[in-house]
């Protein structure tokens, strides 16, 4: 798993200057509005990636057989 991962879970996001969770896409700089979770090895949130409304839809539409879920960031 990635550095800093606990219990086999990893999160991808950028921290914005004001401390909010930002979109994972490089140089986007927009606050994230959703987490997209990929399930692997029976771990529901094996990889959680934060995206803004403009990015991340391809994760849900990929169709590679991996279970993915979307969670809104409040």
PDB file of N, CA and C in Angstrom:
ATOM      1  N   UNK A   1       0.845  -1.173   0.000  1.00  0.00           N
ATOM      2  CA  UNK A   1       0.000   0.000   0.000  1.00  0.00           C
ATOM      3  C   UNK A   1       0.893   1.239   0.000  1.00  0.00           C
ATOM      4  N   UNK A   2       0.278   2.372  -0.126  1.00  0.00           N
ATOM      5  CA  UNK A   2       1.009   3.616  -0.162  1.00  0.00           C
ATOM      6  C   UNK A   2       1.542   4.024   1.191  1.00  0.00           C
ATOM      7  N   UNK A   3       2.519   4.876   1.198  1.00  0.00           N
ATOM      8  CA  UNK A   3       3.096   5.373   2.438  1.00  0.00           C
ATOM      9  C   UNK A   3       2.023   6.055   3.275  1.00  0.00           C
ATOM     10  N   UNK A   4       1.998   5.748   4.533  1.00  0.00           N
ATOM     11  CA  UNK A   4       1.023   6.367   5.424  1.00  0.00           C
ATOM     12  C   UNK A   4      -0.322   5.669   5.432  1.00  0.00           C
ATOM     13  N   UNK A   5      -0.490   4.626   4.622  1.00  0.00           N
ATOM     14  CA  UNK A   5      -1.753   3.907   4.596  1.00  0.00           C
ATOM     15  C   UNK A   5      -1.942   3.111   5.876  1.00  0.00           C
ATOM     16  N   UNK A   6      -3.169   3.028   6.347  1.00  0.00           N
ATOM     17  CA  UNK A   6      -3.458   2.240   7.528  1.00  0.00           C
ATOM     18  C   UNK A   6      -4.530   1.231   7.185  1.00  0.00           C
ATOM     19  N   UNK A   7      -4.416   0.060   7.760  1.00  0.00           N
ATOM     20  CA  UNK A   7      -5.403  -0.985   7.549  1.00  0.00           C
ATOM     21  C   UNK A   7      -5.606  -1.290   6.067  1.00  0.00           C
ATOM     22  N   UNK A   8      -4.582  -1.077   5.244  1.00  0.00           N
ATOM     23  CA  UNK A   8      -4.698  -1.385   3.828  1.00  0.00           C
ATOM     24  C   UNK A   8      -5.482  -0.365   3.037  1.00  0.00           C
ATOM     25  N   UNK A   9      -5.684   0.830   3.587  1.00  0.00           N
ATOM     26  CA  UNK A   9      -6.426   1.882   2.882  1.00  0.00           C
ATOM     27  C   UNK A   9      -5.497   3.046   2.563  1.00  0.00           C
ATOM     28  N   UNK A  10      -5.682   3.637   1.378  1.00  0.00           N
ATOM     29  CA  UNK A  10      -4.872   4.774   0.953  1.00  0.00           C
ATOM     30  C   UNK A  10      -5.804   5.864   0.460  1.00  0.00           C
ATOM     31  N   UNK A  11      -5.461   7.122   0.762  1.00  0.00           N
ATOM     32  CA  UNK A  11      -6.244   8.257   0.273  1.00  0.00           C
ATOM     33  C   UNK A  11      -5.363   9.133  -0.607  1.00  0.00           C
ATOM     34  N   UNK A  12      -5.914   9.537  -1.749  1.00  0.00           N
ATOM     35  CA  UNK A  12      -5.241  10.477  -2.645  1.00  0.00           C
ATOM     36  C   UNK A  12      -6.017  11.789  -2.630  1.00  0.00           C
ATOM     37  N   UNK A  13      -5.362  12.857  -2.243  1.00  0.00           N
ATOM     38  CA  UNK A  13      -5.963  14.183  -2.274  1.00  0.00           C
ATOM     39  C   UNK A  13      -4.850  15.206  -2.108  1.00  0.00           C
ATOM     40  N   UNK A  14      -5.173  16.446  -2.378  1.00  0.00           N
ATOM     41  CA  UNK A  14      -4.258  17.543  -2.129  1.00  0.00           C
ATOM     42  C   UNK A  14      -4.877  18.421  -1.055  1.00  0.00           C
ATOM     43  N   UNK A  15      -4.049  18.935  -0.166  1.00  0.00           N
ATOM     44  CA  UNK A  15      -4.540  19.851   0.852  1.00  0.00           C
ATOM     45  C   UNK A  15      -4.417  21.277   0.306  1.00  0.00           C
ATOM     46  N   UNK A  16      -5.538  21.986   0.285  1.00  0.00           N
ATOM     47  CA  UNK A  16      -5.528  23.367  -0.197  1.00  0.00           C
ATOM     48  C   UNK A  16      -4.953  24.285   0.884  1.00  0.00           C
ATOM     49  N   UNK A  17      -4.598  25.506   0.500  1.00  0.00           N
ATOM     50  CA  UNK A  17      -3.998  26.459   1.434  1.00  0.00           C
ATOM     51  C   UNK A  17      -4.869  26.721   2.655  1.00  0.00           C
ATOM     52  N   UNK A  18      -6.185  26.656   2.482  1.00  0.00           N
ATOM     53  CA  UNK A  18      -7.090  26.919   3.612  1.00  0.00           C
ATOM     54  C   UNK A  18      -7.386  25.654   4.420  1.00  0.00           C
ATOM     55  N   UNK A  19      -6.713  24.538   4.087  1.00  0.00           N
ATOM     56  CA  UNK A  19      -6.854  23.306   4.838  1.00  0.00           C
ATOM     57  C   UNK A  19      -7.911  22.344   4.319  1.00  0.00           C
ATOM     58  N   UNK A  20      -8.710  22.776   3.340  1.00  0.00           N
ATOM     59  CA  UNK A  20      -9.739  21.891   2.790  1.00  0.00           C
ATOM     60  C   UNK A  20      -9.124  20.817   1.904  1.00  0.00           C
ATOM     61  N   UNK A  21      -9.907  19.774   1.668  1.00  0.00           N
ATOM     62  CA  UNK A  21      -9.492  18.695   0.766  1.00  0.00           C
ATOM     63  C   UNK A  21      -9.646  19.190  -0.662  1.00  0.00           C
ATOM     64  N   UNK A  22      -8.581  19.040  -1.454  1.00  0.00           N
ATOM     65  CA  UNK A  22      -8.612  19.484  -2.840  1.00  0.00           C
ATOM     66  C   UNK A  22      -8.608  18.319  -3.810  1.00  0.00           C
ATOM     67  N   UNK A  23      -8.983  18.609  -5.032  1.00  0.00           N
ATOM     68  CA  UNK A  23      -9.003  17.620  -6.110  1.00  0.00           C
ATOM     69  C   UNK A  23      -7.608  17.024  -6.302  1.00  0.00           C
ATOM     70  N   UNK A  24      -7.550  15.718  -6.532  1.00  0.00           N
ATOM     71  CA  UNK A  24      -6.296  14.994  -6.687  1.00  0.00           C
ATOM     72  C   UNK A  24      -5.590  15.325  -8.000  1.00  0.00           C
ATOM     73  N   UNK A  25      -6.312  15.786  -9.011  1.00  0.00           N
ATOM     74  CA  UNK A  25      -5.715  16.071 -10.319  1.00  0.00           C
ATOM     75  C   UNK A  25      -4.685  17.197 -10.182  1.00  0.00           C
ATOM     76  N   UNK A  26      -3.497  16.928 -10.684  1.00  0.00           N
ATOM     77  CA  UNK A  26      -2.390  17.866 -10.570  1.00  0.00           C
ATOM     78  C   UNK A  26      -2.768  19.234 -11.129  1.00  0.00           C
ATOM     79  N   UNK A  27      -2.482  20.257 -10.362  1.00  0.00           N
ATOM     80  CA  UNK A  27      -2.655  21.660 -10.760  1.00  0.00           C
ATOM     81  C   UNK A  27      -4.118  22.070 -10.921  1.00  0.00           C
ATOM     82  N   UNK A  28      -5.068  21.274 -10.425  1.00  0.00           N
ATOM     83  CA  UNK A  28      -6.476  21.659 -10.511  1.00  0.00           C
ATOM     84  C   UNK A  28      -6.762  22.784  -9.507  1.00  0.00           C
ATOM     85  N   UNK A  29      -6.415  22.548  -8.233  1.00  0.00           N
ATOM     86  CA  UNK A  29      -6.560  23.590  -7.223  1.00  0.00           C
ATOM     87  C   UNK A  29      -7.983  23.864  -6.775  1.00  0.00           C
ATOM     88  N   UNK A  30      -8.928  23.037  -7.193  1.00  0.00           N
ATOM     89  CA  UNK A  30     -10.340  23.224  -6.848  1.00  0.00           C
ATOM     90  C   UNK A  30     -10.687  22.360  -5.641  1.00  0.00           C
ATOM     91  N   UNK A  31     -11.537  22.855  -4.731  1.00  0.00           N
ATOM     92  CA  UNK A  31     -11.961  22.015  -3.613  1.00  0.00           C
ATOM     93  C   UNK A  31     -12.657  20.745  -4.127  1.00  0.00           C
ATOM     94  N   UNK A  32     -12.362  19.633  -3.489  1.00  0.00           N
ATOM     95  CA  UNK A  32     -12.978  18.366  -3.870  1.00  0.00           C
ATOM     96  C   UNK A  32     -14.438  18.349  -3.410  1.00  0.00           C
ATOM     97  N   UNK A  33     -15.276  17.731  -4.217  1.00  0.00           N
ATOM     98  CA  UNK A  33     -16.697  17.614  -3.888  1.00  0.00           C
ATOM     99  C   UNK A  33     -17.121  16.173  -3.668  1.00  0.00           C
ATOM    100  N   UNK A  34     -16.200  15.229  -3.971  1.00  0.00           N
ATOM    101  CA  UNK A  34     -16.559  13.820  -3.828  1.00  0.00           C
ATOM    102  C   UNK A  34     -15.311  12.963  -3.663  1.00  0.00           C
ATOM    103  N   UNK A  35     -15.505  11.849  -2.979  1.00  0.00           N
ATOM    104  CA  UNK A  35     -14.513  10.790  -2.910  1.00  0.00           C
ATOM    105  C   UNK A  35     -14.988   9.684  -3.840  1.00  0.00           C
ATOM    106  N   UNK A  36     -14.086   9.106  -4.577  1.00  0.00           N
ATOM    107  CA  UNK A  36     -14.405   7.910  -5.344  1.00  0.00           C
ATOM    108  C   UNK A  36     -13.552   6.789  -4.754  1.00  0.00           C
ATOM    109  N   UNK A  37     -14.234   5.784  -4.224  1.00  0.00           N
ATOM    110  CA  UNK A  37     -13.593   4.665  -3.547  1.00  0.00           C
ATOM    111  C   UNK A  37     -13.515   3.472  -4.479  1.00  0.00           C
ATOM    112  N   UNK A  38     -12.346   2.862  -4.565  1.00  0.00           N
ATOM    113  CA  UNK A  38     -12.167   1.626  -5.317  1.00  0.00           C
ATOM    114  C   UNK A  38     -12.024   0.481  -4.327  1.00  0.00           C
ATOM    115  N   UNK A  39     -12.716  -0.617  -4.594  1.00  0.00           N
ATOM    116  CA  UNK A  39     -12.652  -1.784  -3.728  1.00  0.00           C
ATOM    117  C   UNK A  39     -11.721  -2.828  -4.333  1.00  0.00           C
ATOM    118  N   UNK A  40     -10.842  -3.367  -3.505  1.00  0.00           N
ATOM    119  CA  UNK A  40      -9.944  -4.454  -3.905  1.00  0.00           C
ATOM    120  C   UNK A  40      -9.747  -5.358  -2.699  1.00  0.00           C
ATOM    121  N   UNK A  41      -9.566  -6.637  -2.950  1.00  0.00           N
ATOM    122  CA  UNK A  41      -9.231  -7.597  -1.899  1.00  0.00           C
ATOM    123  C   UNK A  41     -10.230  -7.583  -0.740  1.00  0.00           C
ATOM    124  N   UNK A  42     -11.476  -7.225  -1.029  1.00  0.00           N
ATOM    125  CA  UNK A  42     -12.504  -7.188  -0.005  1.00  0.00           C
ATOM    126  C   UNK A  42     -12.468  -5.948   0.870  1.00  0.00           C
ATOM    127  N   UNK A  43     -11.560  -5.007   0.575  1.00  0.00           N
ATOM    128  CA  UNK A  43     -11.462  -3.761   1.342  1.00  0.00           C
ATOM    129  C   UNK A  43     -12.259  -2.703   0.595  1.00  0.00           C
ATOM    130  N   UNK A  44     -13.365  -2.239   1.200  1.00  0.00           N
ATOM    131  CA  UNK A  44     -14.287  -1.329   0.517  1.00  0.00           C
ATOM    132  C   UNK A  44     -13.640  -0.014   0.099  1.00  0.00           C
ATOM    133  N   UNK A  45     -12.743   0.507   0.887  1.00  0.00           N
ATOM    134  CA  UNK A  45     -12.074   1.773   0.556  1.00  0.00           C
ATOM    135  C   UNK A  45     -10.577   1.537   0.404  1.00  0.00           C
ATOM    136  N   UNK A  46     -10.235   0.570  -0.438  1.00  0.00           N
ATOM    137  CA  UNK A  46      -8.831   0.239  -0.670  1.00  0.00           C
ATOM    138  C   UNK A  46      -8.081   1.471  -1.181  1.00  0.00           C
ATOM    139  N   UNK A  47      -8.702   2.210  -2.076  1.00  0.00           N
ATOM    140  CA  UNK A  47      -8.129   3.460  -2.584  1.00  0.00           C
ATOM    141  C   UNK A  47      -9.242   4.488  -2.681  1.00  0.00           C
ATOM    142  N   UNK A  48      -9.104   5.580  -1.947  1.00  0.00           N
ATOM    143  CA  UNK A  48     -10.073   6.675  -1.991  1.00  0.00           C
ATOM    144  C   UNK A  48      -9.386   7.889  -2.596  1.00  0.00           C
ATOM    145  N   UNK A  49      -9.986   8.441  -3.644  1.00  0.00           N
ATOM    146  CA  UNK A  49      -9.404   9.582  -4.338  1.00  0.00           C
ATOM    147  C   UNK A  49     -10.411  10.717  -4.349  1.00  0.00           C
ATOM    148  N   UNK A  50      -9.945  11.921  -3.995  1.00  0.00           N
ATOM    149  CA  UNK A  50     -10.805  13.101  -3.964  1.00  0.00           C
ATOM    150  C   UNK A  50     -10.790  13.793  -5.325  1.00  0.00           C
ATOM    151  N   UNK A  51     -11.983  14.150  -5.801  1.00  0.00           N
ATOM    152  CA  UNK A  51     -12.116  14.845  -7.081  1.00  0.00           C
ATOM    153  C   UNK A  51     -13.109  15.999  -6.951  1.00  0.00           C
ATOM    154  N   UNK A  52     -12.936  16.999  -7.823  1.00  0.00           N
ATOM    155  CA  UNK A  52     -13.931  18.054  -7.956  1.00  0.00           C
ATOM    156  C   UNK A  52     -15.008  17.567  -8.938  1.00  0.00           C
ATOM    157  N   UNK A  53     -16.008  18.404  -9.199  1.00  0.00           N
ATOM    158  CA  UNK A  53     -17.079  18.011 -10.123  1.00  0.00           C
ATOM    159  C   UNK A  53     -16.575  17.804 -11.556  1.00  0.00           C
ATOM    160  N   UNK A  54     -15.475  18.470 -11.916  1.00  0.00           N
ATOM    161  CA  UNK A  54     -14.954  18.402 -13.282  1.00  0.00           C
ATOM    162  C   UNK A  54     -14.163  17.125 -13.555  1.00  0.00           C
ATOM    163  N   UNK A  55     -13.639  16.486 -12.518  1.00  0.00           N
ATOM    164  CA  UNK A  55     -12.750  15.341 -12.694  1.00  0.00           C
ATOM    165  C   UNK A  55     -13.278  14.097 -11.999  1.00  0.00           C
ATOM    166  N   UNK A  56     -12.792  12.947 -12.425  1.00  0.00           N
ATOM    167  CA  UNK A  56     -13.041  11.694 -11.741  1.00  0.00           C
ATOM    168  C   UNK A  56     -14.146  10.826 -12.298  1.00  0.00           C
ATOM    169  N   UNK A  57     -14.964  11.347 -13.197  1.00  0.00           N
ATOM    170  CA  UNK A  57     -16.071  10.531 -13.716  1.00  0.00           C
ATOM    171  C   UNK A  57     -15.566   9.266 -14.398  1.00  0.00           C
ATOM    172  N   UNK A  58     -14.399   9.351 -15.030  1.00  0.00           N
ATOM    173  CA  UNK A  58     -13.832   8.188 -15.708  1.00  0.00           C
ATOM    174  C   UNK A  58     -13.588   7.041 -14.730  1.00  0.00           C
ATOM    175  N   UNK A  59     -13.325   7.356 -13.445  1.00  0.00           N
ATOM    176  CA  UNK A  59     -13.139   6.292 -12.445  1.00  0.00           C
ATOM    177  C   UNK A  59     -14.420   5.464 -12.305  1.00  0.00           C
ATOM    178  N   UNK A  60     -15.567   6.133 -12.344  1.00  0.00           N
ATOM    179  CA  UNK A  60     -16.843   5.442 -12.196  1.00  0.00           C
ATOM    180  C   UNK A  60     -17.251   4.730 -13.485  1.00  0.00           C
ATOM    181  N   UNK A  61     -16.844   5.276 -14.627  1.00  0.00           N
ATOM    182  CA  UNK A  61     -17.242   4.732 -15.928  1.00  0.00           C
ATOM    183  C   UNK A  61     -16.262   3.703 -16.485  1.00  0.00           C
ATOM    184  N   UNK A  62     -15.173   3.439 -15.788  1.00  0.00           N
ATOM    185  CA  UNK A  62     -14.083   2.617 -16.304  1.00  0.00           C
ATOM    186  C   UNK A  62     -14.532   1.224 -16.718  1.00  0.00           C
ATOM    187  N   UNK A  63     -15.322   0.559 -15.885  1.00  0.00           N
ATOM    188  CA  UNK A  63     -15.826  -0.750 -16.254  1.00  0.00           C
ATOM    189  C   UNK A  63     -14.790  -1.853 -16.265  1.00  0.00           C
ATOM    190  N   UNK A  64     -13.720  -1.705 -15.491  1.00  0.00           N
ATOM    191  CA  UNK A  64     -12.688  -2.745 -15.453  1.00  0.00           C
ATOM    192  C   UNK A  64     -13.029  -3.885 -14.504  1.00  0.00           C
ATOM    193  N   UNK A  65     -14.235  -3.870 -13.981  1.00  0.00           N
ATOM    194  CA  UNK A  65     -14.668  -4.932 -13.083  1.00  0.00           C
ATOM    195  C   UNK A  65     -14.463  -4.615 -11.614  1.00  0.00           C
ATOM    196  N   UNK A  66     -13.743  -3.550 -11.322  1.00  0.00           N
ATOM    197  CA  UNK A  66     -13.527  -3.166  -9.934  1.00  0.00           C
ATOM    198  C   UNK A  66     -14.751  -2.421  -9.417  1.00  0.00           C
ATOM    199  N   UNK A  67     -15.114  -2.724  -8.195  1.00  0.00           N
ATOM    200  CA  UNK A  67     -16.235  -2.012  -7.584  1.00  0.00           C
ATOM    201  C   UNK A  67     -15.785  -0.603  -7.221  1.00  0.00           C
ATOM    202  N   UNK A  68     -16.567   0.391  -7.591  1.00  0.00           N
ATOM    203  CA  UNK A  68     -16.259   1.775  -7.230  1.00  0.00           C
ATOM    204  C   UNK A  68     -17.528   2.438  -6.718  1.00  0.00           C
ATOM    205  N   UNK A  69     -17.333   3.333  -5.775  1.00  0.00           N
ATOM    206  CA  UNK A  69     -18.447   4.054  -5.150  1.00  0.00           C
ATOM    207  C   UNK A  69     -18.107   5.527  -5.047  1.00  0.00           C
ATOM    208  N   UNK A  70     -19.133   6.330  -5.097  1.00  0.00           N
ATOM    209  CA  UNK A  70     -18.962   7.771  -4.957  1.00  0.00           C
ATOM    210  C   UNK A  70     -19.559   8.218  -3.629  1.00  0.00           C
ATOM    211  N   UNK A  71     -18.799   9.034  -2.884  1.00  0.00           N
ATOM    212  CA  UNK A  71     -19.278   9.636  -1.644  1.00  0.00           C
ATOM    213  C   UNK A  71     -19.112  11.135  -1.759  1.00  0.00           C
ATOM    214  N   UNK A  72     -20.172  11.873  -1.502  1.00  0.00           N
ATOM    215  CA  UNK A  72     -20.106  13.338  -1.551  1.00  0.00           C
ATOM    216  C   UNK A  72     -19.347  13.873  -0.347  1.00  0.00           C
ATOM    217  N   UNK A  73     -18.564  14.907  -0.559  1.00  0.00           N
ATOM    218  CA  UNK A  73     -17.877  15.590   0.530  1.00  0.00           C
ATOM    219  C   UNK A  73     -18.787  16.721   0.988  1.00  0.00           C
ATOM    220  N   UNK A  74     -19.081  16.735   2.250  1.00  0.00           N
ATOM    221  CA  UNK A  74     -20.003  17.744   2.801  1.00  0.00           C
ATOM    222  C   UNK A  74     -19.290  19.042   3.084  1.00  0.00           C
TER     223      UNK A  74
END
